[in-house]
Amino acid sequence: MQVTETLNEGLKRELKVVIPAGDLQARVDERLEELKATAQIKGFRPGKVPIGHLKKLYGQSAMAEVVQKSIETSSTEALNEKSLKAAYQPEIVLPEDEKDVQAVMNGDADLSFTMNFEVVPDIEIKDFKDLKVEKLVVEVTDAHLDEALESIAGQYKDYEDRDKGAAEDGDRVTISFVGKVDGEVFEGGTADDVPLELGSGSFIPGFEEQLVGAKPGDDKTVNVTFPAEYGVEHLAGKPAEFDVKVSKIEQPKPANIDEAFAEKLGMESVDKLKEMVRERIADEFSNMSGAKMKRDMLDALDAEYKFDLPQKLVDQEFEQIWAALEREMEGEGKTFADEDTTEEEVRTEYKAIAERRVRLGLVIGTIGESAGVSVSDDELQRGLMDRARQFPGQEKEVFEFYRNNPNALVEIRGPLFEQKVVDHIAESATVSERSVSRETLQHMLEHDGEDEDGEEAKPAKKKAAKKTAAKKAPAKKAAKKSAD
């Protein structure tokens, strides 16, 4: 095999690879020998078919197979020979002239092709001791604990019959209904004795609000419109009418945080319940603090490292986030004018985001490689389980999706790898702590690092796009949302 570098311009490279016809033919002969042992050809005993006859029958297909494998293996070997690290899968360019291709297939000509790609830029990793980041610490107070316990009590609240008055927001009504679209009853739109908490958002938008003020025994007509992005295609965007019978109205009964309540939740005592809740709050604050510190660290790396980027990687990243933005805007029926901007301005902004993502990806990858950071199978499995938990009731579908799409595991492995690299950097970086309130930390996470007084947190972060490219979750179940 002969490898010649024909282009070296910035990060762009082109290699010309030539594999002698004799090498290809030798590999074809090896393949035919393998076929000889197993070929079932009429008139010949297994293993006794002459090579010449096999060549007439399978020579062309064997050569095609050999050529394909030779391109794959020689591409890797060519990169290794030239000590080059491609930023992505090289583009293989074969001869365009059919006569040249046929000559190769006939064994009369060398196989010649070119590889076009960009290389990973050389990145000199700097001493992390010079990297200064701030860790924000939020103390868990009794007020936080009381608020969390009140929230838990609300989730496990009991109900009692409303003695007087009509249904209010927060009440639980028991209803039976029949839904119609275009005057026809549709599948899944009929149910009896369904409990519904008003204000919970369990049913499609506008349904619950129209039951406020109802009384037991009332017959109500509820008019709603299914969301445009509704999971059932033939109902999406359609107006619907529901004939509703209200049979019961209950009001929430305040729960007392006592021993009986703790026992109801499976806890030994109220003290144990409070201890568990306090630990969860502390974990929540720690995660928020970690997210803020990670973002600041990535901002610092983005500012510290400047180098030429593989343009194809930037273009691919931009196309991905731009397509997501277009889907989001189309789904919401919005235009750039609605957002008080122009397509040109947003494209410029998103191009900067794409460049930042590629730059940080290369920096993180280089740091992780030099530090020997890797994601174990156990860590990947735990990450997959965490992803599945994000979609209650759809865990099985999530597992099956990733099982059937191994390449999609990059979505899980990537963030895990990134976090391990960030943890590695933090071990050497200069980390200072500052106590803040929960509200301040939340504000800084939601407003690009600004303190509540409006001052920019350090290190400063370049403003991101007004709208981030949303990652679409698996479709929600039609149950409840279709009032079925």
Protein backbone atom coordinates (compact mmCIF):
# COMPACT_ATOMS: atom_id res chain seq x y z
CA MET A 1 0.00 0.00 0.00
CA GLN A 2 1.28 3.43 -0.94
CA VAL A 3 0.07 6.53 0.93
CA THR A 4 0.75 10.05 -0.37
CA GLU A 5 -0.30 13.28 1.28
CA THR A 6 -1.78 15.47 -1.49
CA LEU A 7 -3.23 18.28 0.63
CA ASN A 8 -2.06 19.91 3.86
CA GLU A 9 -3.88 23.19 4.38
CA GLY A 10 -4.76 24.25 7.93
CA LEU A 11 -6.70 21.33 9.36
CA LYS A 12 -7.62 19.96 5.93
CA ARG A 13 -5.86 16.86 4.71
CA GLU A 14 -6.09 14.67 1.62
CA LEU A 15 -4.37 11.33 1.29
CA LYS A 16 -4.06 9.30 -1.88
CA VAL A 17 -4.00 5.57 -1.21
CA VAL A 18 -2.92 3.01 -3.78
CA ILE A 19 -3.30 -0.75 -3.24
CA PRO A 20 -1.50 -2.86 -5.86
CA ALA A 21 -3.65 -5.13 -8.03
CA GLY A 22 -1.50 -8.05 -6.95
CA ASP A 23 -2.41 -7.50 -3.28
CA LEU A 24 -6.10 -7.39 -4.16
CA GLN A 25 -5.86 -10.57 -6.20
CA ALA A 26 -4.05 -12.35 -3.38
CA ARG A 27 -6.87 -11.45 -1.02
CA VAL A 28 -9.43 -12.61 -3.59
CA ASP A 29 -7.63 -15.95 -3.85
CA GLU A 30 -7.70 -16.29 -0.06
CA ARG A 31 -11.43 -15.59 -0.11
CA LEU A 32 -12.02 -18.17 -2.84
CA GLU A 33 -10.08 -20.75 -0.84
CA GLU A 34 -12.44 -20.09 2.06
CA LEU A 35 -15.43 -20.54 -0.25
CA LYS A 36 -13.97 -23.73 -1.66
CA ALA A 37 -14.35 -25.52 1.66
CA THR A 38 -18.05 -24.71 1.98
CA ALA A 39 -19.36 -24.12 -1.55
CA GLN A 40 -22.24 -26.41 -2.61
CA ILE A 41 -22.04 -26.63 -6.40
CA LYS A 42 -23.83 -29.23 -8.46
CA GLY A 43 -21.45 -31.80 -9.92
CA PHE A 44 -18.72 -31.26 -7.33
CA ARG A 45 -18.11 -32.71 -3.93
CA PRO A 46 -17.65 -30.23 -1.05
CA GLY A 47 -14.07 -28.97 -1.04
CA LYS A 48 -13.32 -30.30 -4.53
CA VAL A 49 -14.50 -27.35 -6.65
CA PRO A 50 -11.60 -26.06 -8.81
CA ILE A 51 -10.48 -22.53 -7.97
CA GLY A 52 -10.81 -21.56 -11.61
CA HIS A 53 -14.47 -22.55 -11.62
CA LEU A 54 -15.09 -20.71 -8.35
CA LYS A 55 -13.42 -17.66 -9.84
CA LYS A 56 -15.82 -17.71 -12.79
CA LEU A 57 -18.81 -17.98 -10.46
CA TYR A 58 -17.78 -15.77 -7.56
CA GLY A 59 -14.74 -13.81 -8.73
CA GLN A 60 -16.52 -10.49 -9.22
CA SER A 61 -18.43 -10.68 -5.93
CA ALA A 62 -15.28 -11.75 -4.07
CA MET A 63 -13.37 -8.82 -5.58
CA ALA A 64 -16.15 -6.40 -4.59
CA GLU A 65 -16.00 -7.73 -1.03
CA VAL A 66 -12.21 -7.48 -0.97
CA VAL A 67 -12.25 -3.93 -2.33
CA GLN A 68 -14.74 -2.81 0.31
CA LYS A 69 -12.78 -4.34 3.17
CA SER A 70 -9.49 -3.06 1.75
CA ILE A 71 -10.81 0.51 1.69
CA GLU A 72 -11.97 0.22 5.31
CA THR A 73 -8.73 -1.29 6.66
CA SER A 74 -6.35 0.75 4.52
CA SER A 75 -8.07 4.00 5.56
CA THR A 76 -7.22 3.31 9.19
CA GLU A 77 -3.73 2.12 8.29
CA ALA A 78 -3.12 5.26 6.21
CA LEU A 79 -4.03 7.51 9.14
CA ASN A 80 -1.75 5.54 11.44
CA GLU A 81 1.09 5.60 8.94
CA LYS A 82 0.90 9.40 8.69
CA SER A 83 0.22 9.77 12.46
CA LEU A 84 -2.97 11.68 11.77
CA LYS A 85 -6.10 11.82 13.94
CA ALA A 86 -9.19 12.52 11.84
CA ALA A 87 -11.85 14.72 13.42
CA TYR A 88 -14.55 12.61 11.74
CA GLN A 89 -14.93 9.71 9.32
CA PRO A 90 -12.91 10.61 6.20
CA GLU A 91 -14.74 11.03 2.92
CA ILE A 92 -13.63 8.32 0.47
CA VAL A 93 -13.47 9.36 -3.20
CA LEU A 94 -13.20 6.55 -5.76
CA PRO A 95 -12.41 6.86 -9.48
CA GLU A 96 -15.39 8.23 -11.43
CA ASP A 97 -14.52 6.57 -14.75
CA GLU A 98 -16.40 3.27 -15.05
CA LYS A 99 -13.57 1.82 -17.13
CA ASP A 100 -11.11 2.45 -14.33
CA VAL A 101 -13.47 0.84 -11.81
CA GLN A 102 -14.02 -2.19 -14.03
CA ALA A 103 -10.28 -2.57 -14.52
CA VAL A 104 -9.88 -2.80 -10.75
CA MET A 105 -12.72 -5.32 -10.49
CA ASN A 106 -11.10 -7.42 -13.24
CA GLY A 107 -7.79 -7.41 -11.40
CA ASP A 108 -6.07 -5.44 -14.16
CA ALA A 109 -5.44 -2.19 -12.26
CA ASP A 110 -4.39 -0.97 -8.84
CA LEU A 111 -7.08 0.29 -6.47
CA SER A 112 -6.65 4.03 -6.03
CA PHE A 113 -8.74 6.36 -3.89
CA THR A 114 -8.44 9.58 -1.92
CA MET A 115 -9.36 10.38 1.67
CA ASN A 116 -10.60 13.90 2.46
CA PHE A 117 -10.89 14.98 6.10
CA GLU A 118 -9.88 17.45 8.76
CA VAL A 119 -7.57 16.57 11.61
CA VAL A 120 -8.11 17.13 15.31
CA PRO A 121 -6.15 20.30 16.16
CA ASP A 122 -3.19 20.09 18.49
CA ILE A 123 -4.35 21.24 21.92
CA GLU A 124 -1.78 21.93 24.61
CA ILE A 125 -3.40 21.27 27.97
CA LYS A 126 -2.55 23.97 30.51
CA ASP A 127 -2.03 23.62 34.24
CA PHE A 128 -5.40 23.41 35.97
CA LYS A 129 -3.96 25.02 39.09
CA ASP A 130 -4.31 28.36 37.34
CA LEU A 131 -8.01 27.72 36.81
CA LYS A 132 -10.10 29.51 39.46
CA VAL A 133 -13.73 28.57 39.99
CA GLU A 134 -16.27 29.30 42.68
CA LYS A 135 -18.46 26.76 44.43
CA LEU A 136 -21.72 28.18 45.70
CA VAL A 137 -22.98 26.60 48.91
CA VAL A 138 -26.58 26.67 50.09
CA GLU A 139 -27.30 25.70 53.70
CA VAL A 140 -30.43 23.63 54.30
CA THR A 141 -32.61 25.64 56.70
CA ASP A 142 -35.67 24.71 58.73
CA ALA A 143 -37.70 26.84 56.32
CA HIS A 144 -36.53 24.67 53.42
CA LEU A 145 -37.46 21.56 55.38
CA ASP A 146 -40.92 22.87 56.29
CA GLU A 147 -41.58 23.84 52.68
CA ALA A 148 -40.57 20.39 51.42
CA LEU A 149 -42.69 18.61 54.03
CA GLU A 150 -45.67 20.77 53.10
CA SER A 151 -45.16 19.82 49.47
CA ILE A 152 -45.02 16.12 50.36
CA ALA A 153 -48.15 16.48 52.44
CA GLY A 154 -49.85 18.03 49.43
CA GLN A 155 -48.92 15.04 47.29
CA TYR A 156 -50.33 12.60 49.81
CA LYS A 157 -53.29 14.65 50.91
CA ASP A 158 -56.65 13.10 51.71
CA TYR A 159 -60.02 14.38 50.56
CA GLU A 160 -63.36 14.85 52.24
CA ASP A 161 -66.79 15.62 50.80
CA ARG A 162 -67.36 19.31 50.19
CA ASP A 163 -70.27 20.25 52.46
CA LYS A 164 -71.31 23.35 50.59
CA GLY A 165 -70.44 25.50 47.66
CA ALA A 166 -69.24 24.58 44.20
CA ALA A 167 -66.03 22.95 43.00
CA GLU A 168 -62.90 25.07 43.42
CA ASP A 169 -59.41 24.81 42.03
CA GLY A 170 -57.65 22.05 43.97
CA ASP A 171 -60.84 20.07 44.61
CA ARG A 172 -61.20 16.51 43.38
CA VAL A 173 -64.25 15.85 41.23
CA THR A 174 -65.51 12.45 40.13
CA ILE A 175 -66.84 12.60 36.59
CA SER A 176 -68.14 10.48 33.73
CA PHE A 177 -67.84 11.80 30.18
CA VAL A 178 -68.32 11.16 26.48
CA GLY A 179 -66.07 12.98 24.02
CA LYS A 180 -66.96 13.86 20.44
CA VAL A 181 -64.98 15.20 17.49
CA ASP A 182 -66.96 16.47 14.48
CA GLY A 183 -70.07 15.20 16.25
CA GLU A 184 -68.78 11.63 16.41
CA VAL A 185 -67.74 9.75 19.56
CA PHE A 186 -64.02 8.96 19.29
CA GLU A 187 -62.09 6.00 20.69
CA GLY A 188 -60.62 6.64 24.14
CA GLY A 189 -62.86 9.62 24.78
CA THR A 190 -65.41 7.89 27.05
CA ALA A 191 -64.98 6.93 30.71
CA ASP A 192 -67.00 6.54 33.93
CA ASP A 193 -66.28 7.59 37.52
CA VAL A 194 -62.90 9.22 36.83
CA PRO A 195 -61.36 11.16 39.75
CA LEU A 196 -59.82 14.46 38.62
CA GLU A 197 -58.00 17.07 40.67
CA LEU A 198 -58.88 20.47 39.27
CA GLY A 199 -55.79 22.47 38.43
CA SER A 200 -53.53 19.42 38.13
CA GLY A 201 -53.22 19.72 34.35
CA SER A 202 -53.99 16.01 33.97
CA PHE A 203 -56.47 16.55 31.14
CA ILE A 204 -56.05 18.52 27.93
CA PRO A 205 -55.77 22.33 28.31
CA GLY A 206 -59.04 24.07 29.14
CA PHE A 207 -60.88 20.97 30.36
CA GLU A 208 -60.42 21.34 34.11
CA GLU A 209 -61.05 25.08 34.20
CA GLN A 210 -64.56 24.56 32.84
CA LEU A 211 -65.47 22.33 35.80
CA VAL A 212 -64.70 24.98 38.40
CA GLY A 213 -68.05 26.02 39.89
CA ALA A 214 -69.73 22.67 39.20
CA LYS A 215 -71.87 20.89 41.79
CA PRO A 216 -72.70 17.21 42.35
CA GLY A 217 -75.29 16.10 39.81
CA ASP A 218 -74.44 18.82 37.28
CA ASP A 219 -74.28 18.04 33.56
CA LYS A 220 -71.63 20.13 31.84
CA THR A 221 -70.58 20.57 28.22
CA VAL A 222 -66.84 21.10 27.97
CA ASN A 223 -65.38 22.48 24.73
CA VAL A 224 -61.64 22.14 24.18
CA THR A 225 -59.11 21.83 21.37
CA PHE A 226 -56.50 19.11 21.27
CA PRO A 227 -52.92 20.51 21.15
CA ALA A 228 -51.31 20.64 17.70
CA GLU A 229 -48.49 18.38 18.91
CA TYR A 230 -50.91 15.87 20.46
CA GLY A 231 -49.69 12.26 20.31
CA VAL A 232 -52.78 10.87 18.54
CA GLU A 233 -52.46 12.18 14.98
CA HIS A 234 -56.13 12.12 14.00
CA LEU A 235 -57.02 14.18 17.11
CA ALA A 236 -54.13 16.68 17.01
CA GLY A 237 -55.39 20.24 16.63
CA LYS A 238 -59.06 19.16 16.49
CA PRO A 239 -61.83 20.86 18.51
CA ALA A 240 -63.70 18.44 20.76
CA GLU A 241 -66.85 18.49 22.88
CA PHE A 242 -67.27 16.48 26.08
CA ASP A 243 -70.57 15.74 27.77
CA VAL A 244 -69.62 15.56 31.45
CA LYS A 245 -71.62 14.27 34.43
CA VAL A 246 -70.33 15.42 37.83
CA SER A 247 -71.16 12.86 40.52
CA LYS A 248 -68.96 13.87 43.43
CA ILE A 249 -66.93 16.83 44.72
CA GLU A 250 -64.28 16.55 47.44
CA GLN A 251 -62.09 19.17 48.99
CA PRO A 252 -58.50 18.55 50.08
CA LYS A 253 -58.04 17.70 53.73
CA PRO A 254 -54.87 19.16 55.25
CA ALA A 255 -52.42 16.45 56.28
CA ASN A 256 -50.69 16.66 59.63
CA ILE A 257 -46.96 15.92 59.64
CA ASP A 258 -47.15 13.48 62.54
CA GLU A 259 -46.18 9.90 63.34
CA ALA A 260 -49.21 8.52 61.51
CA PHE A 261 -48.26 10.46 58.37
CA ALA A 262 -44.66 9.23 58.57
CA GLU A 263 -45.88 5.67 58.95
CA LYS A 264 -48.14 6.14 55.93
CA LEU A 265 -45.02 6.96 53.91
CA GLY A 266 -43.22 3.88 55.21
CA MET A 267 -40.93 5.77 57.60
CA GLU A 268 -40.17 4.72 61.17
CA SER A 269 -40.92 8.13 62.66
CA VAL A 270 -41.33 11.80 61.89
CA ASP A 271 -37.68 12.36 62.80
CA LYS A 272 -36.61 9.76 60.24
CA LEU A 273 -38.88 11.39 57.65
CA LYS A 274 -37.36 14.81 58.33
CA GLU A 275 -33.86 13.36 58.18
CA MET A 276 -34.57 11.78 54.79
CA VAL A 277 -36.13 14.96 53.40
CA ARG A 278 -33.25 17.11 54.67
CA GLU A 279 -30.77 14.79 52.92
CA ARG A 280 -32.70 15.04 49.66
CA ILE A 281 -32.76 18.81 49.86
CA ALA A 282 -29.02 18.84 50.51
CA ASP A 283 -28.51 16.60 47.45
CA GLU A 284 -30.66 18.94 45.37
CA PHE A 285 -28.66 21.99 46.45
CA SER A 286 -25.40 20.11 45.84
CA ASN A 287 -26.51 19.21 42.31
CA MET A 288 -27.48 22.81 41.61
CA SER A 289 -24.15 24.02 42.92
CA GLY A 290 -22.31 21.41 40.86
CA ALA A 291 -24.20 22.44 37.73
CA LYS A 292 -23.27 26.09 38.30
CA MET A 293 -19.61 25.28 38.94
CA LYS A 294 -19.48 23.03 35.88
CA ARG A 295 -20.93 25.76 33.69
CA ASP A 296 -18.43 28.28 35.03
CA MET A 297 -15.61 25.80 34.44
CA LEU A 298 -16.69 25.22 30.85
CA ASP A 299 -16.96 28.98 30.36
CA ALA A 300 -13.39 29.34 31.65
CA LEU A 301 -12.14 26.58 29.32
CA ASP A 302 -13.96 28.16 26.39
CA ALA A 303 -12.23 31.47 27.11
CA GLU A 304 -8.83 29.86 27.74
CA TYR A 305 -8.50 27.70 24.65
CA LYS A 306 -8.56 29.23 21.19
CA PHE A 307 -7.68 27.20 18.09
CA ASP A 308 -8.92 26.47 14.58
CA LEU A 309 -11.95 24.19 14.50
CA PRO A 310 -12.77 21.41 12.02
CA GLN A 311 -15.34 23.22 9.88
CA LYS A 312 -17.32 20.10 9.08
CA LEU A 313 -17.86 19.41 12.80
CA VAL A 314 -19.06 22.98 13.31
CA ASP A 315 -21.41 22.73 10.32
CA GLN A 316 -22.84 19.42 11.56
CA GLU A 317 -23.39 20.81 15.06
CA PHE A 318 -25.03 23.94 13.69
CA GLU A 319 -27.33 21.97 11.39
CA GLN A 320 -28.41 19.79 14.31
CA ILE A 321 -29.35 22.63 16.67
CA TRP A 322 -30.83 24.72 13.85
CA ALA A 323 -33.09 21.85 12.78
CA ALA A 324 -34.23 21.46 16.40
CA LEU A 325 -34.98 25.18 16.60
CA GLU A 326 -37.01 25.08 13.37
CA ARG A 327 -39.04 22.13 14.65
CA GLU A 328 -39.69 23.95 17.91
CA MET A 329 -40.75 27.18 16.23
CA GLU A 330 -42.95 25.34 13.75
CA GLY A 331 -44.62 23.40 16.56
CA GLU A 332 -45.31 26.64 18.44
CA GLY A 333 -46.36 28.49 15.29
CA LYS A 334 -43.81 31.25 15.90
CA THR A 335 -41.59 33.30 13.60
CA PHE A 336 -38.33 35.17 14.17
CA ALA A 337 -40.30 38.41 14.13
CA ASP A 338 -42.37 37.09 17.05
CA GLU A 339 -39.12 36.81 18.98
CA ASP A 340 -38.14 40.37 18.03
CA THR A 341 -35.16 39.19 15.98
CA THR A 342 -34.21 38.11 12.46
CA GLU A 343 -33.14 34.78 11.01
CA GLU A 344 -29.71 36.26 10.20
CA GLU A 345 -29.16 37.36 13.80
CA VAL A 346 -30.21 33.99 15.19
CA ARG A 347 -28.04 32.12 12.68
CA THR A 348 -25.03 34.15 13.80
CA GLU A 349 -25.86 33.44 17.43
CA TYR A 350 -26.34 29.73 16.85
CA LYS A 351 -23.15 29.53 14.81
CA ALA A 352 -21.29 30.82 17.87
CA ILE A 353 -23.03 28.20 20.02
CA ALA A 354 -22.02 25.45 17.57
CA GLU A 355 -18.40 26.65 17.63
CA ARG A 356 -18.40 26.71 21.43
CA ARG A 357 -19.78 23.17 21.64
CA VAL A 358 -17.20 21.82 19.18
CA ARG A 359 -14.33 23.66 20.89
CA LEU A 360 -15.31 22.43 24.36
CA GLY A 361 -15.89 18.93 23.03
CA LEU A 362 -12.36 18.80 21.63
CA VAL A 363 -10.85 20.28 24.81
CA ILE A 364 -12.78 17.92 27.09
CA GLY A 365 -11.91 14.97 24.86
CA THR A 366 -8.20 15.83 24.85
CA ILE A 367 -8.11 16.33 28.62
CA GLY A 368 -9.99 13.09 29.21
CA GLU A 369 -7.74 11.13 26.86
CA SER A 370 -4.55 12.44 28.44
CA ALA A 371 -5.93 11.70 31.94
CA GLY A 372 -7.14 8.22 31.02
CA VAL A 373 -10.76 9.06 31.77
CA SER A 374 -13.28 6.48 30.59
CA VAL A 375 -16.91 5.50 31.21
CA SER A 376 -17.34 1.94 32.46
CA ASP A 377 -20.16 -0.35 31.38
CA ASP A 378 -21.62 -0.14 34.90
CA GLU A 379 -21.60 3.66 34.78
CA LEU A 380 -23.23 3.58 31.36
CA GLN A 381 -25.92 1.21 32.62
CA ARG A 382 -26.65 3.48 35.59
CA GLY A 383 -26.82 6.44 33.23
CA LEU A 384 -29.31 4.57 31.06
CA MET A 385 -31.43 3.79 34.12
CA ASP A 386 -31.40 7.45 35.12
CA ARG A 387 -32.50 8.42 31.61
CA ALA A 388 -35.35 5.87 31.69
CA ARG A 389 -36.58 7.25 35.04
CA GLN A 390 -37.11 10.61 33.36
CA PHE A 391 -40.05 9.07 31.50
CA PRO A 392 -42.30 7.36 34.08
CA GLY A 393 -44.35 4.61 32.55
CA GLN A 394 -42.16 4.49 29.44
CA GLU A 395 -39.06 2.93 30.95
CA LYS A 396 -39.33 -0.21 28.84
CA GLU A 397 -39.65 1.77 25.61
CA VAL A 398 -36.58 3.86 26.54
CA PHE A 399 -34.48 0.76 27.24
CA GLU A 400 -35.58 -0.82 23.96
CA PHE A 401 -34.77 2.36 22.03
CA TYR A 402 -31.18 2.41 23.25
CA ARG A 403 -30.84 -1.35 22.90
CA ASN A 404 -31.88 -1.12 19.25
CA ASN A 405 -29.85 2.04 18.58
CA PRO A 406 -26.33 1.55 19.97
CA ASN A 407 -25.16 4.84 18.44
CA ALA A 408 -27.73 6.67 20.58
CA LEU A 409 -25.78 5.63 23.67
CA VAL A 410 -23.44 8.50 22.81
CA GLU A 411 -26.17 10.77 24.24
CA ILE A 412 -25.67 9.06 27.59
CA ARG A 413 -21.95 8.28 27.47
CA GLY A 414 -21.02 11.83 26.39
CA PRO A 415 -22.40 13.70 29.44
CA LEU A 416 -21.00 11.03 31.79
CA PHE A 417 -17.55 11.38 30.23
CA GLU A 418 -17.80 15.18 30.35
CA GLN A 419 -18.73 15.14 34.04
CA LYS A 420 -15.82 12.83 34.90
CA VAL A 421 -13.43 15.16 33.09
CA VAL A 422 -14.89 18.16 34.92
CA ASP A 423 -14.43 16.31 38.23
CA HIS A 424 -10.83 15.56 37.23
CA ILE A 425 -10.18 19.23 36.51
CA ALA A 426 -11.80 20.32 39.79
CA GLU A 427 -9.36 18.13 41.73
CA SER A 428 -6.48 20.38 40.61
CA ALA A 429 -8.23 23.71 40.09
CA THR A 430 -8.40 26.44 42.70
CA VAL A 431 -11.92 26.18 44.10
CA SER A 432 -13.28 28.79 46.52
CA GLU A 433 -16.60 28.54 48.34
CA ARG A 434 -19.27 31.18 48.83
CA SER A 435 -22.51 30.84 50.76
CA VAL A 436 -25.64 32.00 48.95
CA SER A 437 -29.37 31.58 49.27
CA ARG A 438 -31.29 29.01 47.25
CA GLU A 439 -33.03 31.82 45.41
CA THR A 440 -29.70 33.41 44.41
CA LEU A 441 -28.36 30.12 43.10
CA GLN A 442 -31.55 29.43 41.16
CA HIS A 443 -31.43 32.94 39.70
CA MET A 444 -27.82 32.51 38.59
CA LEU A 445 -28.61 29.19 36.93
CA GLU A 446 -31.58 30.66 35.09
CA HIS A 447 -30.00 33.98 34.06
CA ASP A 448 -26.63 33.12 32.55
CA GLY A 449 -24.68 33.50 35.78
CA GLU A 450 -26.00 36.89 36.92
CA ASP A 451 -26.34 37.52 40.64
CA GLU A 452 -29.72 38.78 41.81
CA ASP A 453 -28.27 42.28 41.99
CA GLY A 454 -27.62 42.07 38.25
CA GLU A 455 -23.83 41.73 38.44
CA GLU A 456 -22.28 39.18 36.12
CA ALA A 457 -20.87 36.16 37.91
CA LYS A 458 -17.22 35.37 37.23
CA PRO A 459 -15.97 33.99 34.97
CA ALA A 460 -18.27 35.85 32.62
CA LYS A 461 -20.41 33.87 30.21
CA LYS A 462 -21.27 34.97 26.72
CA LYS A 463 -24.98 35.21 26.35
CA ALA A 464 -26.51 32.16 24.71
CA ALA A 465 -29.31 32.21 22.15
CA LYS A 466 -32.69 33.48 23.27
CA LYS A 467 -34.10 30.04 22.66
CA THR A 468 -32.12 26.85 23.11
CA ALA A 469 -32.65 23.94 20.78
CA ALA A 470 -35.00 21.78 22.82
CA LYS A 471 -34.40 18.06 23.04
CA LYS A 472 -37.64 16.31 22.40
CA ALA A 473 -38.68 13.69 24.94
CA PRO A 474 -40.52 10.54 23.90
CA ALA A 475 -44.17 11.24 23.21
CA LYS A 476 -46.35 11.35 26.31
CA LYS A 477 -48.96 8.70 26.73
CA ALA A 478 -52.37 9.57 25.40
CA ALA A 479 -53.91 8.44 28.67
CA LYS A 480 -55.28 11.31 30.74
CA LYS A 481 -54.19 13.91 28.21
CA SER A 482 -56.94 12.70 25.92
CA ALA A 483 -59.35 12.50 28.86
CA ASP A 484 -59.68 8.79 28.18
